[in-house]
Amino acid sequence: MLWCLSEMRSHFGDHVLRTGSELWAMTRTHRFVVLALLGCMASLQLVMTPDAGATPTCTREEARRAESEASSLRTWQQIFESLQRFRNCDDGAISEGYSGSVAELLANHWDQTGQLLSLLHAHPGFERFVIRHLDDMMTQDQDARIQNNILHACPAQGVAFCAAVKKRFAELNSQKDAGGTTATADKVAH
């Protein structure tokens, strides 16, 4: 689209389409050409762009495979790779499985936090996935262990991540206080 406007400026002068009112200040012929070109460009963009509104679906086979592995992932790399394969399937029982794996790693395998932080650095969107999967699927024991880990064993390079986890626990606790169904037991100390 920017290329189109650039071309139009080179043919019709630098004043083309600076403002909407300038469009109507052009001659009728220029206005017709500009509007026709814009219409053509919009049509081409619709034809050449994949359906942006379409959400890729999770096939039955993908769902079967994702469900069988989501709750048995034992490293952050395995979780990340599974997410890459089955991103479209992160719902229902599959999502619960991912939540179980995330809670297990943060609660009982804190020694793998370096691997997690490396993945978060390389793939910032992965943090949203991890934080989102801290939910009411974790046990009270996992809840307490995760909070203890972020409060007492947060690595220097993981301060931002630990802060995001604290914020998530605060959200879960406020949901619980408001009558939600979260399993979190204690408020995060500030």
Protein backbone atom coordinates (compact mmCIF):
# COMPACT_ATOMS: atom_id res chain seq x y z
CA MET A 1 0.00 0.00 0.00
CA LEU A 2 2.83 2.42 0.81
CA TRP A 3 4.40 1.59 -2.54
CA CYS A 4 1.12 2.51 -4.24
CA LEU A 5 1.01 5.90 -2.50
CA SER A 6 4.65 6.48 -3.36
CA GLU A 7 3.98 5.74 -7.02
CA MET A 8 0.93 7.99 -7.02
CA ARG A 9 2.99 10.81 -5.51
CA SER A 10 5.65 10.41 -8.18
CA HIS A 11 3.01 10.62 -10.95
CA PHE A 12 0.66 13.23 -9.53
CA GLY A 13 2.94 15.34 -7.36
CA ASP A 14 4.02 15.26 -3.74
CA HIS A 15 0.71 16.68 -2.52
CA VAL A 16 -1.26 13.49 -3.26
CA LEU A 17 -3.07 12.08 -0.23
CA ARG A 18 -1.42 14.10 2.49
CA THR A 19 -4.88 14.74 3.89
CA GLY A 20 -8.37 13.61 3.01
CA SER A 21 -9.38 17.15 2.08
CA GLU A 22 -6.54 17.33 -0.44
CA LEU A 23 -8.04 14.30 -2.20
CA TRP A 24 -11.14 16.32 -2.95
CA ALA A 25 -9.06 19.33 -3.99
CA MET A 26 -7.63 17.33 -6.90
CA THR A 27 -9.18 17.41 -10.31
CA ARG A 28 -11.98 14.95 -11.01
CA THR A 29 -9.64 12.83 -13.19
CA HIS A 30 -6.94 12.66 -10.56
CA ARG A 31 -9.51 11.80 -7.90
CA PHE A 32 -10.89 8.96 -10.04
CA VAL A 33 -7.40 7.56 -10.70
CA VAL A 34 -6.43 7.74 -7.02
CA LEU A 35 -9.63 6.07 -5.85
CA ALA A 36 -9.37 3.40 -8.55
CA LEU A 37 -5.77 2.63 -7.58
CA LEU A 38 -6.68 2.45 -3.90
CA GLY A 39 -9.57 0.11 -4.70
CA CYS A 40 -7.29 -2.12 -6.78
CA MET A 41 -4.68 -2.24 -4.06
CA ALA A 42 -7.28 -3.15 -1.44
CA SER A 43 -8.63 -5.91 -3.66
CA LEU A 44 -5.15 -7.29 -4.32
CA GLN A 45 -4.34 -7.25 -0.64
CA LEU A 46 -7.49 -9.27 0.14
CA VAL A 47 -6.74 -11.80 -2.59
CA MET A 48 -3.05 -12.19 -1.75
CA THR A 49 -3.38 -12.29 2.05
CA PRO A 50 -4.32 -15.58 3.70
CA ASP A 51 -7.58 -15.38 5.61
CA ALA A 52 -6.38 -13.29 8.54
CA GLY A 53 -9.59 -13.90 10.48
CA ALA A 54 -9.34 -17.65 10.25
CA THR A 55 -7.97 -19.41 13.28
CA PRO A 56 -6.01 -22.52 12.39
CA THR A 57 -7.85 -25.54 13.68
CA CYS A 58 -6.63 -28.40 15.76
CA THR A 59 -7.21 -31.65 13.91
CA ARG A 60 -8.35 -34.74 15.79
CA GLU A 61 -4.94 -36.34 15.30
CA GLU A 62 -3.15 -33.23 16.60
CA ALA A 63 -5.49 -33.07 19.59
CA ARG A 64 -4.88 -36.74 20.37
CA ARG A 65 -1.11 -36.31 20.19
CA ALA A 66 -1.13 -33.01 22.13
CA GLU A 67 -3.29 -34.44 24.90
CA SER A 68 -1.09 -37.50 25.25
CA GLU A 69 2.05 -35.40 25.79
CA ALA A 70 0.90 -32.11 27.36
CA SER A 71 0.85 -33.38 30.94
CA SER A 72 4.04 -35.43 30.67
CA LEU A 73 6.51 -32.77 29.54
CA ARG A 74 9.53 -32.66 31.86
CA THR A 75 11.70 -29.83 30.51
CA TRP A 76 11.04 -26.30 29.33
CA GLN A 77 12.43 -27.22 25.93
CA GLN A 78 9.88 -30.04 25.64
CA ILE A 79 7.05 -27.68 26.59
CA PHE A 80 8.24 -25.08 24.08
CA GLU A 81 8.54 -27.64 21.27
CA SER A 82 5.12 -29.09 22.07
CA LEU A 83 3.62 -25.61 21.99
CA GLN A 84 5.19 -25.02 18.58
CA ARG A 85 3.65 -28.24 17.24
CA PHE A 86 0.24 -27.89 18.87
CA ARG A 87 -0.28 -24.16 19.38
CA ASN A 88 -3.77 -24.46 17.88
CA CYS A 89 -4.75 -27.14 20.40
CA ASP A 90 -4.13 -25.23 23.66
CA ASP A 91 -7.66 -25.62 25.02
CA GLY A 92 -9.65 -27.87 27.33
CA ALA A 93 -7.91 -31.02 28.54
CA ILE A 94 -4.79 -30.18 26.52
CA SER A 95 -4.54 -26.80 28.23
CA GLU A 96 -4.96 -28.51 31.60
CA GLY A 97 -2.09 -30.83 30.71
CA TYR A 98 0.16 -27.90 29.83
CA SER A 99 -0.84 -26.25 33.12
CA GLY A 100 0.16 -29.38 35.00
CA SER A 101 3.55 -29.50 33.29
CA VAL A 102 4.22 -25.79 33.88
CA ALA A 103 3.28 -26.03 37.57
CA GLU A 104 5.39 -29.17 38.03
CA LEU A 105 8.49 -27.56 36.54
CA LEU A 106 8.15 -24.30 38.49
CA ALA A 107 7.37 -26.10 41.75
CA ASN A 108 9.68 -29.11 41.70
CA HIS A 109 12.32 -28.47 39.03
CA TRP A 110 13.38 -24.91 39.77
CA ASP A 111 16.90 -25.95 38.77
CA GLN A 112 15.68 -25.76 35.14
CA THR A 113 14.81 -22.07 35.42
CA GLY A 114 17.97 -21.14 33.48
CA GLN A 115 16.66 -23.09 30.48
CA LEU A 116 13.28 -21.34 30.84
CA LEU A 117 14.90 -17.90 30.99
CA SER A 118 16.94 -18.66 27.86
CA LEU A 119 13.75 -19.62 26.02
CA LEU A 120 11.97 -16.50 27.29
CA HIS A 121 14.84 -14.34 26.05
CA ALA A 122 14.77 -15.95 22.59
CA HIS A 123 10.94 -16.19 22.39
CA PRO A 124 9.29 -13.45 24.48
CA GLY A 125 5.78 -14.71 23.66
CA PHE A 126 6.53 -17.93 25.51
CA GLU A 127 6.28 -16.06 28.82
CA ARG A 128 2.59 -15.32 28.18
CA PHE A 129 2.02 -19.05 27.69
CA VAL A 130 3.83 -19.95 30.92
CA ILE A 131 2.06 -17.27 32.98
CA ARG A 132 -1.35 -18.14 31.52
CA HIS A 133 -0.83 -21.76 32.57
CA LEU A 134 -0.39 -20.84 36.21
CA ASP A 135 -4.01 -21.47 37.05
CA ASP A 136 -6.42 -23.38 39.25
CA MET A 137 -5.02 -26.71 38.03
CA MET A 138 -2.01 -26.47 40.35
CA THR A 139 -2.15 -28.09 43.75
CA GLN A 140 -1.78 -26.14 46.98
CA ASP A 141 1.65 -27.74 47.41
CA GLN A 142 2.73 -26.59 43.93
CA ASP A 143 1.33 -23.14 44.68
CA ALA A 144 3.37 -22.87 47.90
CA ARG A 145 6.56 -24.21 46.29
CA ILE A 146 6.33 -21.87 43.29
CA GLN A 147 5.78 -18.87 45.55
CA ASN A 148 8.72 -19.92 47.71
CA ASN A 149 10.92 -20.32 44.61
CA ILE A 150 10.09 -16.90 43.18
CA LEU A 151 10.50 -15.20 46.54
CA HIS A 152 13.71 -16.90 47.70
CA ALA A 153 15.46 -18.39 44.68
CA CYS A 154 14.80 -16.03 41.78
CA PRO A 155 17.95 -15.70 39.65
CA ALA A 156 19.20 -12.18 38.95
CA GLN A 157 18.44 -12.51 35.23
CA GLY A 158 14.91 -13.72 36.06
CA VAL A 159 13.68 -10.77 38.13
CA ALA A 160 11.18 -9.66 35.48
CA PHE A 161 9.84 -13.20 35.09
CA CYS A 162 9.52 -13.65 38.87
CA ALA A 163 7.66 -10.32 39.03
CA ALA A 164 5.25 -11.57 36.34
CA VAL A 165 4.68 -14.78 38.32
CA LYS A 166 4.01 -12.74 41.50
CA LYS A 167 1.53 -10.63 39.57
CA ARG A 168 -0.20 -13.76 38.28
CA PHE A 169 -0.50 -15.16 41.81
CA ALA A 170 -1.98 -11.85 42.96
CA GLU A 171 -4.56 -12.11 40.14
CA LEU A 172 -5.38 -15.69 41.09
CA ASN A 173 -5.76 -14.71 44.74
CA SER A 174 -8.04 -11.79 43.90
CA GLN A 175 -10.20 -14.17 41.83
CA LYS A 176 -10.30 -16.52 44.80
CA ASP A 177 -11.21 -13.66 47.13
CA ALA A 178 -13.97 -12.62 44.72
CA GLY A 179 -15.46 -16.10 44.83
CA GLY A 180 -13.51 -17.69 41.96
CA THR A 181 -12.36 -21.28 41.94
CA THR A 182 -8.60 -20.95 42.07
CA ALA A 183 -6.58 -23.33 44.19
CA THR A 184 -3.99 -20.81 45.31
CA ALA A 185 -3.48 -20.94 49.03
CA ASP A 186 -1.44 -17.95 50.12
CA LYS A 187 -1.07 -14.39 48.95
CA VAL A 188 2.29 -13.44 47.51
CA ALA A 189 4.31 -11.46 50.02
CA HIS A 190 5.35 -8.05 48.76
